[in-house]
N, C-alpha and C. Protein backbone atom coordinates (compact mmCIF):
# COMPACT_ATOMS: atom_id res chain seq x y z
N MET A 1 0.84 -1.20 0.00
CA MET A 1 0.00 0.00 0.00
C MET A 1 0.87 1.25 0.00
N LYS A 2 0.65 2.15 -0.95
CA LYS A 2 1.50 3.34 -1.04
C LYS A 2 1.12 4.35 0.05
N PRO A 3 2.05 5.20 0.46
CA PRO A 3 1.76 6.21 1.47
C PRO A 3 0.68 7.17 1.00
N LEU A 4 -0.11 7.67 1.95
CA LEU A 4 -1.14 8.64 1.61
C LEU A 4 -0.52 10.01 1.36
N ILE A 5 -0.94 10.68 0.31
CA ILE A 5 -0.43 11.99 -0.07
C ILE A 5 -1.46 13.04 0.28
N ILE A 6 -1.01 14.24 0.66
CA ILE A 6 -1.91 15.29 1.11
C ILE A 6 -3.01 15.57 0.10
N LYS A 7 -2.68 15.62 -1.18
CA LYS A 7 -3.67 15.97 -2.19
C LYS A 7 -4.76 14.91 -2.33
N GLU A 8 -4.53 13.73 -1.75
CA GLU A 8 -5.53 12.67 -1.81
C GLU A 8 -6.51 12.74 -0.64
N MET A 9 -6.27 13.65 0.30
CA MET A 9 -7.16 13.77 1.44
C MET A 9 -8.45 14.48 1.04
N ASN A 10 -9.43 14.39 1.91
CA ASN A 10 -10.73 15.00 1.63
C ASN A 10 -10.75 16.48 2.00
N GLY A 11 -11.42 17.27 1.16
CA GLY A 11 -11.78 18.65 1.42
C GLY A 11 -10.93 19.42 2.39
N GLU A 12 -11.51 19.76 3.54
CA GLU A 12 -10.86 20.65 4.50
C GLU A 12 -9.66 19.99 5.18
N ASP A 13 -9.45 18.70 4.92
CA ASP A 13 -8.30 18.02 5.50
C ASP A 13 -7.04 18.26 4.67
N GLN A 14 -7.15 19.02 3.62
CA GLN A 14 -5.99 19.27 2.76
C GLN A 14 -5.30 20.56 3.19
N PRO A 15 -4.20 20.46 3.91
CA PRO A 15 -3.51 21.67 4.36
C PRO A 15 -3.06 22.58 3.23
N ARG A 16 -2.65 22.00 2.11
CA ARG A 16 -2.22 22.84 0.99
C ARG A 16 -3.36 23.72 0.49
N GLN A 17 -4.54 23.11 0.33
CA GLN A 17 -5.69 23.89 -0.12
C GLN A 17 -6.09 24.94 0.91
N LYS A 18 -6.04 24.55 2.17
CA LYS A 18 -6.39 25.48 3.25
C LYS A 18 -5.45 26.67 3.25
N LEU A 19 -4.17 26.40 3.04
CA LEU A 19 -3.19 27.49 2.99
C LEU A 19 -3.47 28.43 1.82
N GLN A 20 -3.78 27.86 0.67
CA GLN A 20 -4.03 28.67 -0.53
C GLN A 20 -5.28 29.54 -0.38
N ILE A 21 -6.31 29.00 0.26
CA ILE A 21 -7.59 29.70 0.34
C ILE A 21 -7.63 30.68 1.52
N ILE A 22 -7.14 30.25 2.68
CA ILE A 22 -7.28 31.05 3.90
C ILE A 22 -5.97 31.74 4.30
N GLY A 23 -4.84 31.12 3.96
CA GLY A 23 -3.55 31.69 4.33
C GLY A 23 -2.82 30.83 5.34
N PRO A 24 -1.49 30.96 5.41
CA PRO A 24 -0.68 30.09 6.28
C PRO A 24 -0.95 30.25 7.76
N SER A 25 -1.35 31.46 8.20
CA SER A 25 -1.58 31.66 9.63
C SER A 25 -2.77 30.87 10.15
N SER A 26 -3.62 30.38 9.25
CA SER A 26 -4.81 29.62 9.65
C SER A 26 -4.48 28.16 9.95
N LEU A 27 -3.30 27.72 9.56
CA LEU A 27 -2.94 26.31 9.73
C LEU A 27 -2.36 26.06 11.12
N SER A 28 -2.64 24.88 11.63
CA SER A 28 -2.03 24.45 12.90
C SER A 28 -0.58 24.06 12.65
N ASP A 29 0.17 23.88 13.74
CA ASP A 29 1.56 23.44 13.61
C ASP A 29 1.63 22.11 12.88
N ALA A 30 0.70 21.21 13.20
CA ALA A 30 0.69 19.88 12.56
C ALA A 30 0.41 20.00 11.07
N GLU A 31 -0.49 20.88 10.68
CA GLU A 31 -0.82 21.04 9.27
C GLU A 31 0.37 21.60 8.49
N LEU A 32 1.06 22.58 9.08
CA LEU A 32 2.24 23.13 8.42
C LEU A 32 3.33 22.07 8.28
N LEU A 33 3.51 21.29 9.32
CA LEU A 33 4.52 20.23 9.29
C LEU A 33 4.13 19.17 8.26
N ALA A 34 2.85 18.89 8.13
CA ALA A 34 2.39 17.90 7.15
C ALA A 34 2.71 18.33 5.73
N ILE A 35 2.62 19.63 5.46
CA ILE A 35 2.97 20.13 4.12
C ILE A 35 4.45 19.89 3.84
N ILE A 36 5.29 20.09 4.84
CA ILE A 36 6.72 19.83 4.68
C ILE A 36 6.98 18.34 4.45
N LEU A 37 6.27 17.50 5.20
CA LEU A 37 6.47 16.05 5.08
C LEU A 37 5.97 15.52 3.73
N ARG A 38 4.90 16.10 3.21
CA ARG A 38 4.29 15.74 1.92
C ARG A 38 3.54 14.42 1.96
N THR A 39 4.13 13.39 2.51
CA THR A 39 3.49 12.09 2.59
C THR A 39 3.53 11.56 4.01
N GLY A 40 2.66 10.62 4.30
CA GLY A 40 2.67 9.97 5.59
C GLY A 40 3.44 8.67 5.53
N SER A 41 2.96 7.69 6.26
CA SER A 41 3.58 6.37 6.26
C SER A 41 2.51 5.34 5.89
N ARG A 42 2.85 4.08 5.96
CA ARG A 42 1.88 3.04 5.65
C ARG A 42 0.74 3.01 6.66
N GLU A 43 1.04 3.48 7.87
CA GLU A 43 0.04 3.40 8.93
C GLU A 43 -0.74 4.68 9.13
N MET A 44 -0.24 5.83 8.67
CA MET A 44 -0.91 7.09 8.97
C MET A 44 -0.73 8.10 7.86
N THR A 45 -1.62 9.07 7.81
CA THR A 45 -1.55 10.15 6.84
C THR A 45 -0.41 11.10 7.21
N ALA A 46 -0.15 12.06 6.33
CA ALA A 46 0.87 13.07 6.62
C ALA A 46 0.49 13.87 7.87
N ILE A 47 -0.80 14.19 8.01
CA ILE A 47 -1.26 14.89 9.21
C ILE A 47 -1.03 14.04 10.45
N GLY A 48 -1.36 12.77 10.37
CA GLY A 48 -1.15 11.88 11.50
C GLY A 48 0.31 11.77 11.88
N LEU A 49 1.17 11.69 10.89
CA LEU A 49 2.61 11.60 11.15
C LEU A 49 3.11 12.91 11.77
N ALA A 50 2.63 14.03 11.26
CA ALA A 50 3.02 15.33 11.81
C ALA A 50 2.60 15.43 13.28
N GLN A 51 1.39 14.98 13.58
CA GLN A 51 0.91 15.00 14.97
C GLN A 51 1.76 14.09 15.85
N SER A 52 2.16 12.96 15.31
CA SER A 52 3.00 12.02 16.06
C SER A 52 4.36 12.63 16.37
N ILE A 53 4.93 13.32 15.38
CA ILE A 53 6.23 13.97 15.58
C ILE A 53 6.14 15.04 16.66
N LEU A 54 5.10 15.88 16.57
CA LEU A 54 4.94 16.95 17.56
C LEU A 54 4.68 16.38 18.96
N LYS A 55 3.91 15.28 19.03
CA LYS A 55 3.68 14.64 20.33
C LYS A 55 4.99 14.15 20.92
N HIS A 56 5.84 13.59 20.07
CA HIS A 56 7.16 13.12 20.51
C HIS A 56 7.98 14.27 21.08
N CYS A 57 7.74 15.48 20.57
CA CYS A 57 8.48 16.68 21.00
C CYS A 57 7.69 17.49 22.02
N GLY A 58 6.72 16.87 22.67
CA GLY A 58 5.95 17.55 23.70
C GLY A 58 5.03 18.63 23.17
N GLY A 59 4.70 18.54 21.86
CA GLY A 59 3.82 19.53 21.26
C GLY A 59 4.46 20.87 21.02
N SER A 60 5.78 20.94 21.11
CA SER A 60 6.49 22.21 21.04
C SER A 60 7.38 22.28 19.80
N LEU A 61 7.21 23.35 19.01
CA LEU A 61 8.11 23.57 17.88
C LEU A 61 9.52 23.88 18.34
N SER A 62 9.64 24.50 19.51
CA SER A 62 10.98 24.79 20.05
C SER A 62 11.73 23.50 20.34
N HIS A 63 11.03 22.51 20.88
CA HIS A 63 11.67 21.21 21.13
C HIS A 63 11.98 20.51 19.81
N LEU A 64 11.08 20.64 18.84
CA LEU A 64 11.34 20.06 17.53
C LEU A 64 12.60 20.66 16.91
N ALA A 65 12.79 21.96 17.10
CA ALA A 65 13.95 22.64 16.53
C ALA A 65 15.27 22.16 17.12
N ARG A 66 15.21 21.51 18.28
CA ARG A 66 16.42 21.00 18.91
C ARG A 66 16.77 19.59 18.46
N CYS A 67 15.89 18.98 17.70
CA CYS A 67 16.10 17.58 17.30
C CYS A 67 17.17 17.46 16.21
N SER A 68 17.97 16.44 16.33
CA SER A 68 18.95 16.10 15.30
C SER A 68 18.31 15.13 14.31
N ILE A 69 19.04 14.83 13.24
CA ILE A 69 18.54 13.83 12.28
C ILE A 69 18.32 12.49 12.98
N ASN A 70 19.23 12.11 13.85
CA ASN A 70 19.08 10.84 14.57
C ASN A 70 17.85 10.85 15.48
N ASP A 71 17.60 12.01 16.13
CA ASP A 71 16.42 12.11 16.98
C ASP A 71 15.14 11.90 16.16
N LEU A 72 15.10 12.53 14.99
CA LEU A 72 13.89 12.47 14.16
C LEU A 72 13.68 11.09 13.56
N THR A 73 14.75 10.47 13.09
CA THR A 73 14.60 9.15 12.47
C THR A 73 14.27 8.06 13.49
N ALA A 74 14.40 8.38 14.76
CA ALA A 74 13.99 7.43 15.81
C ALA A 74 12.47 7.39 15.96
N ILE A 75 11.78 8.38 15.36
CA ILE A 75 10.32 8.42 15.41
C ILE A 75 9.76 7.53 14.30
N LYS A 76 8.83 6.69 14.63
CA LYS A 76 8.26 5.77 13.65
C LYS A 76 7.63 6.54 12.48
N GLY A 77 8.02 6.17 11.27
CA GLY A 77 7.48 6.81 10.07
C GLY A 77 8.36 7.91 9.51
N VAL A 78 9.43 8.27 10.23
CA VAL A 78 10.32 9.33 9.77
C VAL A 78 11.64 8.72 9.32
N GLY A 79 11.93 8.84 8.04
CA GLY A 79 13.21 8.38 7.51
C GLY A 79 14.18 9.53 7.36
N PRO A 80 15.39 9.25 6.88
CA PRO A 80 16.39 10.31 6.72
C PRO A 80 15.92 11.47 5.83
N ALA A 81 15.19 11.17 4.75
CA ALA A 81 14.75 12.23 3.83
C ALA A 81 13.79 13.19 4.53
N LYS A 82 12.82 12.67 5.27
CA LYS A 82 11.87 13.52 5.98
C LYS A 82 12.57 14.30 7.09
N ALA A 83 13.51 13.65 7.77
CA ALA A 83 14.24 14.32 8.83
C ALA A 83 15.02 15.52 8.28
N VAL A 84 15.66 15.32 7.14
CA VAL A 84 16.42 16.41 6.51
C VAL A 84 15.50 17.54 6.10
N GLU A 85 14.33 17.22 5.57
CA GLU A 85 13.37 18.25 5.15
C GLU A 85 12.90 19.08 6.34
N ILE A 86 12.64 18.43 7.47
CA ILE A 86 12.21 19.15 8.67
C ILE A 86 13.30 20.09 9.15
N ILE A 87 14.54 19.58 9.23
CA ILE A 87 15.65 20.39 9.72
C ILE A 87 15.92 21.56 8.79
N ALA A 88 15.81 21.33 7.48
CA ALA A 88 16.02 22.41 6.51
C ALA A 88 14.97 23.51 6.68
N ALA A 89 13.71 23.11 6.88
CA ALA A 89 12.64 24.09 7.06
C ALA A 89 12.86 24.92 8.33
N ILE A 90 13.30 24.26 9.39
CA ILE A 90 13.56 24.96 10.65
C ILE A 90 14.72 25.94 10.46
N GLU A 91 15.75 25.53 9.74
CA GLU A 91 16.91 26.39 9.51
C GLU A 91 16.52 27.63 8.70
N ILE A 92 15.63 27.46 7.72
CA ILE A 92 15.15 28.62 6.96
C ILE A 92 14.47 29.61 7.91
N GLY A 93 13.65 29.09 8.82
CA GLY A 93 12.99 29.96 9.79
C GLY A 93 13.98 30.71 10.66
N LYS A 94 15.02 30.02 11.11
CA LYS A 94 16.03 30.65 11.94
C LYS A 94 16.75 31.76 11.19
N ARG A 95 17.10 31.50 9.94
CA ARG A 95 17.82 32.49 9.15
C ARG A 95 16.95 33.70 8.84
N LYS A 96 15.66 33.46 8.64
CA LYS A 96 14.74 34.57 8.41
C LYS A 96 14.69 35.46 9.65
N ILE A 97 14.61 34.83 10.83
CA ILE A 97 14.62 35.58 12.09
C ILE A 97 15.88 36.42 12.20
N SER A 98 17.02 35.77 11.93
CA SER A 98 18.31 36.44 12.03
C SER A 98 18.39 37.64 11.09
N GLN A 99 17.99 37.46 9.84
CA GLN A 99 18.08 38.53 8.86
C GLN A 99 17.11 39.66 9.17
N THR A 100 15.92 39.32 9.64
CA THR A 100 14.92 40.34 9.95
C THR A 100 15.38 41.26 11.06
N HIS A 101 16.02 40.69 12.06
CA HIS A 101 16.37 41.47 13.24
C HIS A 101 17.80 41.99 13.22
N GLN A 102 18.49 41.83 12.11
CA GLN A 102 19.82 42.42 12.00
C GLN A 102 19.84 43.60 11.04
N GLU A 103 18.66 44.13 10.72
CA GLU A 103 18.59 45.26 9.81
C GLU A 103 19.03 46.56 10.47
N ALA A 104 18.99 46.63 11.81
CA ALA A 104 19.42 47.83 12.51
C ALA A 104 20.89 48.11 12.23
N GLU A 105 21.22 49.38 12.09
CA GLU A 105 22.60 49.76 11.77
C GLU A 105 23.55 49.50 12.93
N SER A 106 23.02 49.50 14.15
CA SER A 106 23.90 49.32 15.29
C SER A 106 23.15 48.68 16.45
N ILE A 107 23.91 48.15 17.41
CA ILE A 107 23.32 47.59 18.63
C ILE A 107 23.05 48.75 19.58
N ARG A 108 21.77 49.08 19.74
CA ARG A 108 21.39 50.21 20.57
C ARG A 108 20.71 49.80 21.86
N SER A 109 20.39 48.53 22.00
CA SER A 109 19.67 48.06 23.18
C SER A 109 19.93 46.58 23.38
N SER A 110 19.50 46.07 24.52
CA SER A 110 19.65 44.63 24.78
C SER A 110 18.80 43.81 23.80
N LYS A 111 17.70 44.38 23.35
CA LYS A 111 16.87 43.68 22.36
C LYS A 111 17.63 43.50 21.06
N ASP A 112 18.32 44.56 20.61
CA ASP A 112 19.17 44.44 19.42
C ASP A 112 20.24 43.37 19.63
N ALA A 113 20.83 43.38 20.82
CA ALA A 113 21.89 42.42 21.14
C ALA A 113 21.36 40.99 21.09
N TYR A 114 20.18 40.79 21.68
CA TYR A 114 19.58 39.45 21.69
C TYR A 114 19.34 38.95 20.27
N TRP A 115 18.73 39.78 19.42
CA TRP A 115 18.41 39.32 18.07
C TRP A 115 19.65 39.13 17.21
N THR A 116 20.76 39.70 17.61
CA THR A 116 22.01 39.49 16.88
C THR A 116 22.50 38.06 17.02
N VAL A 117 22.18 37.42 18.17
CA VAL A 117 22.68 36.06 18.44
C VAL A 117 21.57 35.03 18.60
N ALA A 118 20.32 35.46 18.56
CA ALA A 118 19.20 34.55 18.85
C ALA A 118 19.16 33.36 17.91
N ALA A 119 19.33 33.59 16.62
CA ALA A 119 19.23 32.49 15.66
C ALA A 119 20.29 31.43 15.91
N GLN A 120 21.44 31.83 16.42
CA GLN A 120 22.52 30.88 16.68
C GLN A 120 22.32 30.11 17.98
N LEU A 121 21.64 30.72 18.96
CA LEU A 121 21.66 30.17 20.31
C LEU A 121 20.33 29.70 20.86
N MET A 122 19.21 30.06 20.25
CA MET A 122 17.93 29.84 20.92
C MET A 122 17.48 28.38 20.98
N ASP A 123 17.93 27.52 20.10
CA ASP A 123 17.40 26.15 20.05
C ASP A 123 18.48 25.08 20.20
N LEU A 124 19.48 25.35 21.01
CA LEU A 124 20.59 24.40 21.16
C LEU A 124 20.42 23.51 22.39
N ASN A 125 20.94 22.28 22.28
CA ASN A 125 20.93 21.35 23.40
C ASN A 125 22.22 21.42 24.22
N ILE A 126 23.21 22.12 23.70
CA ILE A 126 24.48 22.29 24.41
C ILE A 126 24.77 23.78 24.53
N GLU A 127 25.65 24.14 25.45
CA GLU A 127 26.04 25.54 25.61
C GLU A 127 27.06 25.94 24.56
N GLU A 128 26.87 27.12 24.00
CA GLU A 128 27.85 27.72 23.11
C GLU A 128 28.11 29.15 23.57
N PHE A 129 29.31 29.62 23.31
CA PHE A 129 29.69 30.99 23.68
C PHE A 129 30.11 31.72 22.41
N TRP A 130 29.48 32.87 22.16
CA TRP A 130 29.73 33.65 20.95
C TRP A 130 30.24 35.04 21.30
N VAL A 131 31.06 35.59 20.43
CA VAL A 131 31.50 36.97 20.55
C VAL A 131 31.15 37.71 19.27
N VAL A 132 30.61 38.91 19.43
CA VAL A 132 30.21 39.75 18.30
C VAL A 132 31.11 40.98 18.27
N ILE A 133 31.68 41.26 17.09
CA ILE A 133 32.60 42.38 16.91
C ILE A 133 31.83 43.58 16.38
N CYS A 134 32.04 44.73 17.03
CA CYS A 134 31.35 45.97 16.62
C CYS A 134 32.36 47.09 16.39
N ASN A 135 31.97 48.03 15.53
CA ASN A 135 32.81 49.22 15.31
C ASN A 135 32.42 50.31 16.29
N ARG A 136 32.92 51.52 16.09
CA ARG A 136 32.66 52.61 17.04
C ARG A 136 31.19 53.01 17.09
N ALA A 137 30.47 52.74 16.00
CA ALA A 137 29.04 53.04 15.96
C ALA A 137 28.19 51.87 16.44
N ASN A 138 28.84 50.86 17.01
CA ASN A 138 28.19 49.64 17.50
C ASN A 138 27.54 48.82 16.38
N LYS A 139 27.99 49.02 15.15
CA LYS A 139 27.50 48.22 14.04
C LYS A 139 28.20 46.87 14.07
N VAL A 140 27.43 45.81 13.83
CA VAL A 140 27.98 44.45 13.85
C VAL A 140 28.87 44.25 12.63
N MET A 141 30.13 43.92 12.87
CA MET A 141 31.08 43.68 11.80
C MET A 141 31.36 42.19 11.58
N ASP A 142 31.25 41.41 12.65
CA ASP A 142 31.55 39.98 12.56
C ASP A 142 31.05 39.30 13.82
N LYS A 143 30.85 38.00 13.77
CA LYS A 143 30.56 37.23 14.98
C LYS A 143 31.15 35.83 14.84
N TRP A 144 31.47 35.25 15.99
CA TRP A 144 32.25 34.02 15.98
C TRP A 144 31.88 33.16 17.18
N LYS A 145 31.72 31.86 16.92
CA LYS A 145 31.51 30.91 18.02
C LYS A 145 32.87 30.60 18.64
N LEU A 146 33.06 31.08 19.86
CA LEU A 146 34.34 30.89 20.52
C LEU A 146 34.49 29.49 21.09
N SER A 147 33.39 28.94 21.62
CA SER A 147 33.49 27.60 22.21
C SER A 147 32.12 26.95 22.30
N ALA A 148 32.13 25.63 22.44
CA ALA A 148 30.92 24.85 22.64
C ALA A 148 31.22 23.77 23.66
N GLY A 149 30.23 23.44 24.46
CA GLY A 149 30.47 22.46 25.52
C GLY A 149 29.34 21.49 25.68
N GLY A 150 28.94 21.27 26.93
CA GLY A 150 27.88 20.33 27.22
C GLY A 150 26.61 21.03 27.65
N MET A 151 25.78 20.29 28.36
CA MET A 151 24.51 20.85 28.82
C MET A 151 24.71 21.94 29.86
N HIS A 152 25.80 21.86 30.61
CA HIS A 152 25.93 22.72 31.78
C HIS A 152 27.08 23.71 31.71
N GLY A 153 27.75 23.82 30.57
CA GLY A 153 28.82 24.81 30.51
C GLY A 153 29.74 24.61 29.33
N THR A 154 30.53 25.64 29.09
CA THR A 154 31.55 25.59 28.05
C THR A 154 32.75 26.40 28.51
N VAL A 155 33.92 26.03 28.07
CA VAL A 155 35.16 26.69 28.49
C VAL A 155 35.43 27.88 27.59
N VAL A 156 35.74 29.02 28.20
CA VAL A 156 36.04 30.24 27.45
C VAL A 156 37.44 30.71 27.82
N ASP A 157 38.31 30.83 26.83
CA ASP A 157 39.65 31.34 27.03
C ASP A 157 39.64 32.84 26.73
N VAL A 158 39.79 33.64 27.77
CA VAL A 158 39.70 35.11 27.62
C VAL A 158 40.81 35.63 26.70
N LYS A 159 41.98 35.04 26.76
CA LYS A 159 43.08 35.49 25.90
C LYS A 159 42.76 35.26 24.42
N VAL A 160 42.15 34.12 24.11
CA VAL A 160 41.76 33.83 22.72
C VAL A 160 40.69 34.82 22.27
N LEU A 161 39.74 35.09 23.15
CA LEU A 161 38.67 36.04 22.82
C LEU A 161 39.25 37.42 22.49
N MET A 162 40.13 37.91 23.35
CA MET A 162 40.67 39.26 23.15
C MET A 162 41.60 39.33 21.94
N LYS A 163 42.33 38.25 21.67
CA LYS A 163 43.17 38.21 20.47
C LYS A 163 42.31 38.32 19.22
N TYR A 164 41.18 37.61 19.22
CA TYR A 164 40.25 37.68 18.10
C TYR A 164 39.71 39.09 17.93
N ALA A 165 39.34 39.72 19.04
CA ALA A 165 38.80 41.09 18.99
C ALA A 165 39.84 42.06 18.44
N LEU A 166 41.08 41.91 18.87
CA LEU A 166 42.16 42.79 18.37
C LEU A 166 42.41 42.58 16.89
N ASN A 167 42.43 41.32 16.46
CA ASN A 167 42.66 41.02 15.05
C ASN A 167 41.56 41.58 14.16
N LYS A 168 40.37 41.73 14.72
CA LYS A 168 39.23 42.27 13.96
C LYS A 168 39.08 43.78 14.15
N ASN A 169 40.04 44.40 14.85
CA ASN A 169 40.01 45.85 15.10
C ASN A 169 38.71 46.28 15.77
N ALA A 170 38.28 45.52 16.76
CA ALA A 170 37.02 45.80 17.44
C ALA A 170 37.11 47.06 18.28
N SER A 171 36.08 47.88 18.20
CA SER A 171 35.92 49.00 19.13
C SER A 171 35.02 48.60 20.29
N GLY A 172 34.15 47.64 20.01
CA GLY A 172 33.27 47.12 21.04
C GLY A 172 32.99 45.65 20.79
N ILE A 173 32.66 44.93 21.84
CA ILE A 173 32.30 43.52 21.69
C ILE A 173 31.02 43.23 22.47
N LEU A 174 30.25 42.32 21.94
CA LEU A 174 29.09 41.75 22.63
C LEU A 174 29.41 40.28 22.85
N ILE A 175 29.20 39.79 24.06
CA ILE A 175 29.41 38.38 24.32
C ILE A 175 28.05 37.75 24.66
N ALA A 176 27.90 36.48 24.32
CA ALA A 176 26.61 35.82 24.54
C ALA A 176 26.80 34.33 24.67
N HIS A 177 25.97 33.72 25.48
CA HIS A 177 25.93 32.26 25.54
C HIS A 177 24.51 31.84 25.89
N ASN A 178 24.22 30.57 25.73
CA ASN A 178 22.88 30.06 25.97
C ASN A 178 22.83 29.15 27.19
N HIS A 179 21.65 29.03 27.75
CA HIS A 179 21.38 28.07 28.82
C HIS A 179 20.34 27.08 28.31
N PRO A 180 20.74 25.88 27.88
CA PRO A 180 19.79 24.90 27.36
C PRO A 180 18.70 24.53 28.36
N SER A 181 18.97 24.71 29.64
CA SER A 181 17.99 24.38 30.69
C SER A 181 16.81 25.34 30.68
N GLY A 182 16.97 26.50 30.06
CA GLY A 182 15.92 27.52 30.08
C GLY A 182 16.04 28.48 31.24
N ASN A 183 17.01 28.27 32.10
CA ASN A 183 17.23 29.15 33.26
C ASN A 183 17.87 30.46 32.80
N LEU A 184 17.25 31.57 33.10
CA LEU A 184 17.75 32.88 32.66
C LEU A 184 18.77 33.48 33.62
N CYS A 185 18.91 32.89 34.79
CA CYS A 185 19.81 33.47 35.80
C CYS A 185 21.26 33.11 35.51
N PRO A 186 22.17 34.09 35.60
CA PRO A 186 23.59 33.77 35.40
C PRO A 186 24.14 32.99 36.59
N SER A 187 25.04 32.08 36.29
CA SER A 187 25.72 31.37 37.36
C SER A 187 26.84 32.23 37.91
N GLU A 188 27.42 31.79 39.01
CA GLU A 188 28.56 32.52 39.56
C GLU A 188 29.72 32.51 38.57
N GLU A 189 29.87 31.40 37.84
CA GLU A 189 30.91 31.32 36.81
C GLU A 189 30.65 32.33 35.69
N ASP A 190 29.39 32.52 35.32
CA ASP A 190 29.04 33.52 34.30
C ASP A 190 29.45 34.91 34.75
N ARG A 191 29.19 35.23 36.00
CA ARG A 191 29.52 36.55 36.53
C ARG A 191 31.03 36.78 36.58
N LEU A 192 31.76 35.75 37.04
CA LEU A 192 33.21 35.87 37.13
C LEU A 192 33.84 36.01 35.74
N LEU A 193 33.34 35.24 34.78
CA LEU A 193 33.86 35.32 33.42
C LEU A 193 33.59 36.70 32.82
N THR A 194 32.40 37.22 33.04
CA THR A 194 32.07 38.56 32.53
C THR A 194 33.01 39.61 33.12
N LYS A 195 33.31 39.49 34.39
CA LYS A 195 34.21 40.43 35.06
C LYS A 195 35.61 40.35 34.44
N LYS A 196 36.10 39.14 34.18
CA LYS A 196 37.42 38.96 33.59
C LYS A 196 37.48 39.56 32.18
N ILE A 197 36.42 39.31 31.40
CA ILE A 197 36.39 39.84 30.03
C ILE A 197 36.29 41.35 30.04
N SER A 198 35.48 41.89 30.94
CA SER A 198 35.33 43.34 31.04
C SER A 198 36.65 44.00 31.39
N GLU A 199 37.37 43.43 32.34
CA GLU A 199 38.67 44.00 32.75
C GLU A 199 39.69 43.92 31.62
N ALA A 200 39.71 42.79 30.90
CA ALA A 200 40.64 42.64 29.78
C ALA A 200 40.31 43.62 28.66
N ALA A 201 39.02 43.79 28.40
CA ALA A 201 38.60 44.72 27.34
C ALA A 201 38.99 46.15 27.68
N GLN A 202 38.83 46.54 28.93
CA GLN A 202 39.18 47.90 29.34
C GLN A 202 40.66 48.18 29.13
N LEU A 203 41.50 47.20 29.43
CA LEU A 203 42.94 47.37 29.24
C LEU A 203 43.30 47.60 27.77
N LEU A 204 42.48 47.06 26.87
CA LEU A 204 42.75 47.17 25.43
C LEU A 204 41.90 48.25 24.77
N ASP A 205 41.22 49.04 25.60
CA ASP A 205 40.37 50.14 25.10
C ASP A 205 39.26 49.61 24.18
N ILE A 206 38.69 48.48 24.56
CA ILE A 206 37.55 47.89 23.83
C ILE A 206 36.36 47.90 24.78
N ARG A 207 35.22 48.37 24.30
CA ARG A 207 34.02 48.44 25.12
C ARG A 207 33.29 47.09 25.14
N LEU A 208 32.94 46.62 26.34
CA LEU A 208 32.07 45.45 26.46
C LEU A 208 30.64 45.97 26.49
N LEU A 209 29.91 45.76 25.39
CA LEU A 209 28.57 46.33 25.25
C LEU A 209 27.54 45.61 26.11
N ASP A 210 27.65 44.30 26.18
CA ASP A 210 26.67 43.53 26.95
C ASP A 210 27.09 42.07 26.98
N HIS A 211 26.52 41.35 27.92
CA HIS A 211 26.60 39.89 27.95
C HIS A 211 25.17 39.39 27.97
N ILE A 212 24.79 38.67 26.95
CA ILE A 212 23.43 38.18 26.80
C ILE A 212 23.38 36.68 27.09
N ILE A 213 22.47 36.28 27.98
CA ILE A 213 22.21 34.87 28.21
C ILE A 213 20.91 34.53 27.50
N VAL A 214 20.96 33.60 26.57
CA VAL A 214 19.79 33.21 25.78
C VAL A 214 19.19 31.93 26.34
N ALA A 215 17.89 31.96 26.58
CA ALA A 215 17.17 30.77 27.02
C ALA A 215 15.90 30.67 26.18
N GLY A 216 16.00 29.99 25.04
CA GLY A 216 14.87 29.92 24.10
C GLY A 216 14.58 31.27 23.50
N ASN A 217 13.33 31.72 23.64
CA ASN A 217 12.96 33.02 23.08
C ASN A 217 13.00 34.13 24.13
N LYS A 218 13.72 33.89 25.22
CA LYS A 218 13.89 34.90 26.26
C LYS A 218 15.39 35.13 26.50
N TYR A 219 15.70 36.20 27.20
CA TYR A 219 17.11 36.50 27.44
C TYR A 219 17.28 37.32 28.71
N THR A 220 18.50 37.29 29.22
CA THR A 220 18.92 38.17 30.31
C THR A 220 20.06 39.03 29.80
N SER A 221 20.02 40.32 30.11
CA SER A 221 21.05 41.26 29.69
C SER A 221 21.82 41.74 30.91
N PHE A 222 23.13 41.53 30.92
CA PHE A 222 23.96 42.03 32.02
C PHE A 222 23.91 43.55 32.06
N ALA A 223 23.85 44.19 30.90
CA ALA A 223 23.81 45.66 30.84
C ALA A 223 22.52 46.18 31.46
N ASP A 224 21.41 45.57 31.11
CA ASP A 224 20.11 46.01 31.66
C ASP A 224 20.06 45.84 33.18
N GLU A 225 20.69 44.77 33.66
CA GLU A 225 20.65 44.48 35.09
C GLU A 225 21.71 45.24 35.89
N GLY A 226 22.58 45.98 35.20
CA GLY A 226 23.64 46.72 35.88
C GLY A 226 24.76 45.86 36.40
N TRP A 227 25.01 44.73 35.70
CA TRP A 227 26.03 43.79 36.16
C TRP A 227 27.37 43.96 35.45
N LEU A 228 27.47 44.90 34.53
CA LEU A 228 28.75 45.08 33.82
C LEU A 228 29.66 46.02 34.61
């Protein structure tokens, strides 16, 4: 028996038709995912498979965005091709977010700072530490992943960070890392590291603009909290 295809479904059960007639915002997460999947499996329709995938991820697109190809192919009915399609669609969404929120000429607020690194950090299962290079007008000139670690931390070499900033002729830097746990509070290690980086930057006449902790679609700003 061949897999069921969306166009073979009845009337209002066709997400493609619903999107064309009413618009994409009218579709549920499962319906949008079903369009990406295109086909279901021998046991279920594309909608059914989409619902099964979302159930596996706790009904959350944010959790789905954290899945690897191996995670997805472990779900019944999802092969490597479907897993790749899902990950590609999620990556397009991330890049759209990144491009939309980097149109500002300079980092003028913690919100600007967050959106500069959100696409890189918001959906990770491990901690990563990024540095953003800015000119005198706080315009983003470059950004770099300095380190990556495990669920609970990553090692940051302050000398390597400052060497990179000097090589890029930075006038200011933004530093950022994520908390996969969703906890927005900085650890004592986060505070001590920020202090070390701030002191090193001052010696080199480089401004530390902010330290952003990303936890999904939320963030903590050291600058806003007066911790710099």
